[in-house]
Amino acid sequence: MTDIAHTPIGIIHSPFTNPDDTPIQSVFADGARGEVEVFPEYAAGLKDIDGFSHLILIYHFHLV
């Protein structure tokens, strides 16, 4: 099998800091809001993002 590596292009910031308090689905988040920070060197890749209704974010839980 071939290894697959990925390079982060940003950070997802969340109000949840304790895994036990983090909802498993957004419906249980009760209005909580997060923020996606894209590193400056990748910002140009968002140029035409206004035409989309949804984004798929691939993430890695680095503190679990």
N, C-alpha and C. Protein backbone atom coordinates (compact mmCIF):
# COMPACT_ATOMS: atom_id res chain seq x y z
N MET A 1 0.84 -1.18 0.00
CA MET A 1 0.00 0.00 0.00
C MET A 1 0.89 1.25 0.00
N THR A 2 0.45 2.27 -0.68
CA THR A 2 1.18 3.53 -0.76
C THR A 2 0.74 4.46 0.36
N ASP A 3 1.71 5.11 1.00
CA ASP A 3 1.38 6.10 2.02
C ASP A 3 0.82 7.35 1.36
N ILE A 4 -0.09 8.00 2.05
CA ILE A 4 -0.66 9.26 1.59
C ILE A 4 -0.32 10.31 2.63
N ALA A 5 0.23 11.41 2.18
CA ALA A 5 0.58 12.51 3.09
C ALA A 5 -0.20 13.75 2.68
N HIS A 6 -0.53 14.57 3.64
CA HIS A 6 -1.19 15.84 3.32
C HIS A 6 -0.50 16.97 4.06
N THR A 7 -0.59 18.14 3.48
CA THR A 7 0.01 19.34 4.06
C THR A 7 -1.11 20.28 4.46
N PRO A 8 -1.17 20.71 5.70
CA PRO A 8 -2.23 21.64 6.11
C PRO A 8 -2.13 22.97 5.35
N ILE A 9 -3.29 23.49 4.94
CA ILE A 9 -3.33 24.81 4.29
C ILE A 9 -4.01 25.83 5.19
N GLY A 10 -4.35 25.42 6.39
CA GLY A 10 -4.99 26.34 7.33
C GLY A 10 -5.31 25.65 8.63
N ILE A 11 -6.09 26.36 9.44
CA ILE A 11 -6.47 25.86 10.77
C ILE A 11 -7.96 26.12 10.96
N ILE A 12 -8.65 25.15 11.54
CA ILE A 12 -10.05 25.33 11.92
C ILE A 12 -10.07 25.68 13.41
N HIS A 13 -10.62 26.84 13.74
CA HIS A 13 -10.73 27.26 15.13
C HIS A 13 -12.15 26.96 15.61
N SER A 14 -12.26 26.39 16.78
CA SER A 14 -13.55 25.98 17.34
C SER A 14 -13.65 26.45 18.79
N PRO A 15 -14.87 26.73 19.25
CA PRO A 15 -15.03 27.10 20.65
C PRO A 15 -14.88 25.91 21.60
N PHE A 16 -14.82 24.72 21.05
CA PHE A 16 -14.75 23.52 21.88
C PHE A 16 -13.29 23.16 22.16
N THR A 17 -12.94 23.04 23.42
CA THR A 17 -11.56 22.74 23.81
C THR A 17 -11.42 21.39 24.51
N ASN A 18 -12.53 20.81 24.91
CA ASN A 18 -12.51 19.53 25.61
C ASN A 18 -13.22 18.50 24.73
N PRO A 19 -12.55 17.42 24.34
CA PRO A 19 -13.20 16.42 23.49
C PRO A 19 -14.50 15.87 24.07
N ASP A 20 -14.60 15.77 25.38
CA ASP A 20 -15.82 15.25 25.99
C ASP A 20 -17.00 16.19 25.84
N ASP A 21 -16.74 17.48 25.65
CA ASP A 21 -17.80 18.48 25.50
C ASP A 21 -18.11 18.81 24.05
N THR A 22 -17.38 18.22 23.13
CA THR A 22 -17.55 18.52 21.71
C THR A 22 -18.69 17.68 21.14
N PRO A 23 -19.69 18.32 20.53
CA PRO A 23 -20.81 17.56 19.96
C PRO A 23 -20.35 16.70 18.78
N ILE A 24 -20.98 15.56 18.61
CA ILE A 24 -20.59 14.66 17.52
C ILE A 24 -21.21 15.09 16.19
N GLN A 25 -22.24 15.93 16.24
CA GLN A 25 -22.87 16.46 15.04
C GLN A 25 -23.22 17.92 15.27
N SER A 26 -23.23 18.69 14.20
CA SER A 26 -23.47 20.13 14.33
C SER A 26 -24.86 20.45 14.87
N VAL A 27 -25.82 19.57 14.68
CA VAL A 27 -27.17 19.82 15.19
C VAL A 27 -27.16 19.96 16.72
N PHE A 28 -26.17 19.39 17.38
CA PHE A 28 -26.07 19.47 18.84
C PHE A 28 -25.15 20.61 19.30
N ALA A 29 -24.68 21.44 18.39
CA ALA A 29 -23.73 22.50 18.73
C ALA A 29 -24.39 23.75 19.29
N ASP A 30 -25.70 23.85 19.22
CA ASP A 30 -26.47 24.94 19.83
C ASP A 30 -25.92 26.33 19.49
N GLY A 31 -25.80 26.62 18.21
CA GLY A 31 -25.39 27.95 17.76
C GLY A 31 -23.91 28.24 17.82
N ALA A 32 -23.09 27.27 18.18
CA ALA A 32 -21.64 27.49 18.25
C ALA A 32 -21.11 27.81 16.85
N ARG A 33 -20.13 28.70 16.79
CA ARG A 33 -19.55 29.09 15.51
C ARG A 33 -18.05 28.86 15.54
N GLY A 34 -17.54 28.40 14.43
CA GLY A 34 -16.11 28.22 14.29
C GLY A 34 -15.58 29.13 13.20
N GLU A 35 -14.30 29.05 12.96
CA GLU A 35 -13.67 29.89 11.95
C GLU A 35 -12.58 29.09 11.25
N VAL A 36 -12.49 29.27 9.95
CA VAL A 36 -11.44 28.63 9.17
C VAL A 36 -10.40 29.69 8.82
N GLU A 37 -9.17 29.45 9.22
CA GLU A 37 -8.05 30.34 8.91
C GLU A 37 -7.22 29.67 7.82
N VAL A 38 -7.15 30.30 6.67
CA VAL A 38 -6.34 29.79 5.56
C VAL A 38 -5.01 30.52 5.58
N PHE A 39 -3.93 29.77 5.53
CA PHE A 39 -2.60 30.37 5.53
C PHE A 39 -2.45 31.29 4.31
N PRO A 40 -1.78 32.43 4.47
CA PRO A 40 -1.69 33.43 3.39
C PRO A 40 -1.20 32.87 2.05
N GLU A 41 -0.28 31.94 2.08
CA GLU A 41 0.25 31.43 0.81
C GLU A 41 -0.77 30.60 0.02
N TYR A 42 -1.92 30.26 0.63
CA TYR A 42 -2.96 29.51 -0.06
C TYR A 42 -4.21 30.35 -0.31
N ALA A 43 -4.21 31.59 0.10
CA ALA A 43 -5.40 32.45 -0.01
C ALA A 43 -5.86 32.63 -1.46
N ALA A 44 -4.95 32.66 -2.40
CA ALA A 44 -5.33 32.83 -3.81
C ALA A 44 -6.23 31.70 -4.29
N GLY A 45 -6.15 30.54 -3.67
CA GLY A 45 -6.99 29.41 -4.05
C GLY A 45 -8.46 29.61 -3.71
N LEU A 46 -8.78 30.65 -2.95
CA LEU A 46 -10.17 30.95 -2.58
C LEU A 46 -10.78 32.02 -3.47
N LYS A 47 -10.09 32.40 -4.52
CA LYS A 47 -10.49 33.53 -5.36
C LYS A 47 -11.95 33.47 -5.82
N ASP A 48 -12.43 32.35 -6.30
CA ASP A 48 -13.80 32.24 -6.84
C ASP A 48 -14.73 31.44 -5.94
N ILE A 49 -14.48 31.46 -4.66
CA ILE A 49 -15.25 30.65 -3.72
C ILE A 49 -16.69 31.14 -3.53
N ASP A 50 -16.96 32.39 -3.88
CA ASP A 50 -18.30 32.97 -3.69
C ASP A 50 -19.39 32.20 -4.43
N GLY A 51 -19.06 31.50 -5.48
CA GLY A 51 -20.06 30.78 -6.26
C GLY A 51 -20.48 29.44 -5.68
N PHE A 52 -19.95 29.07 -4.53
CA PHE A 52 -20.24 27.76 -3.94
C PHE A 52 -21.10 27.91 -2.69
N SER A 53 -21.97 26.95 -2.46
CA SER A 53 -22.83 26.99 -1.26
C SER A 53 -22.22 26.20 -0.11
N HIS A 54 -21.34 25.24 -0.41
CA HIS A 54 -20.77 24.39 0.63
C HIS A 54 -19.27 24.17 0.36
N LEU A 55 -18.56 23.89 1.43
CA LEU A 55 -17.15 23.50 1.35
C LEU A 55 -16.97 22.18 2.08
N ILE A 56 -16.06 21.38 1.63
CA ILE A 56 -15.69 20.16 2.35
C ILE A 56 -14.32 20.39 2.96
N LEU A 57 -14.25 20.30 4.28
CA LEU A 57 -12.99 20.50 4.99
C LEU A 57 -12.48 19.15 5.48
N ILE A 58 -11.28 18.82 5.11
CA ILE A 58 -10.64 17.60 5.58
C ILE A 58 -9.76 18.00 6.75
N TYR A 59 -9.94 17.34 7.87
CA TYR A 59 -9.25 17.78 9.08
C TYR A 59 -8.57 16.62 9.79
N HIS A 60 -7.67 17.00 10.67
CA HIS A 60 -6.90 16.04 11.46
C HIS A 60 -6.98 16.47 12.92
N PHE A 61 -7.47 15.61 13.78
CA PHE A 61 -7.55 15.92 15.21
C PHE A 61 -6.17 15.76 15.82
N HIS A 62 -5.44 16.84 15.96
CA HIS A 62 -4.05 16.76 16.41
C HIS A 62 -3.91 16.65 17.93
N LEU A 63 -4.96 16.89 18.71
CA LEU A 63 -4.85 16.83 20.17
C LEU A 63 -5.51 15.60 20.78
N VAL A 64 -6.01 14.72 19.97
CA VAL A 64 -6.72 13.55 20.50
C VAL A 64 -5.75 12.40 20.66
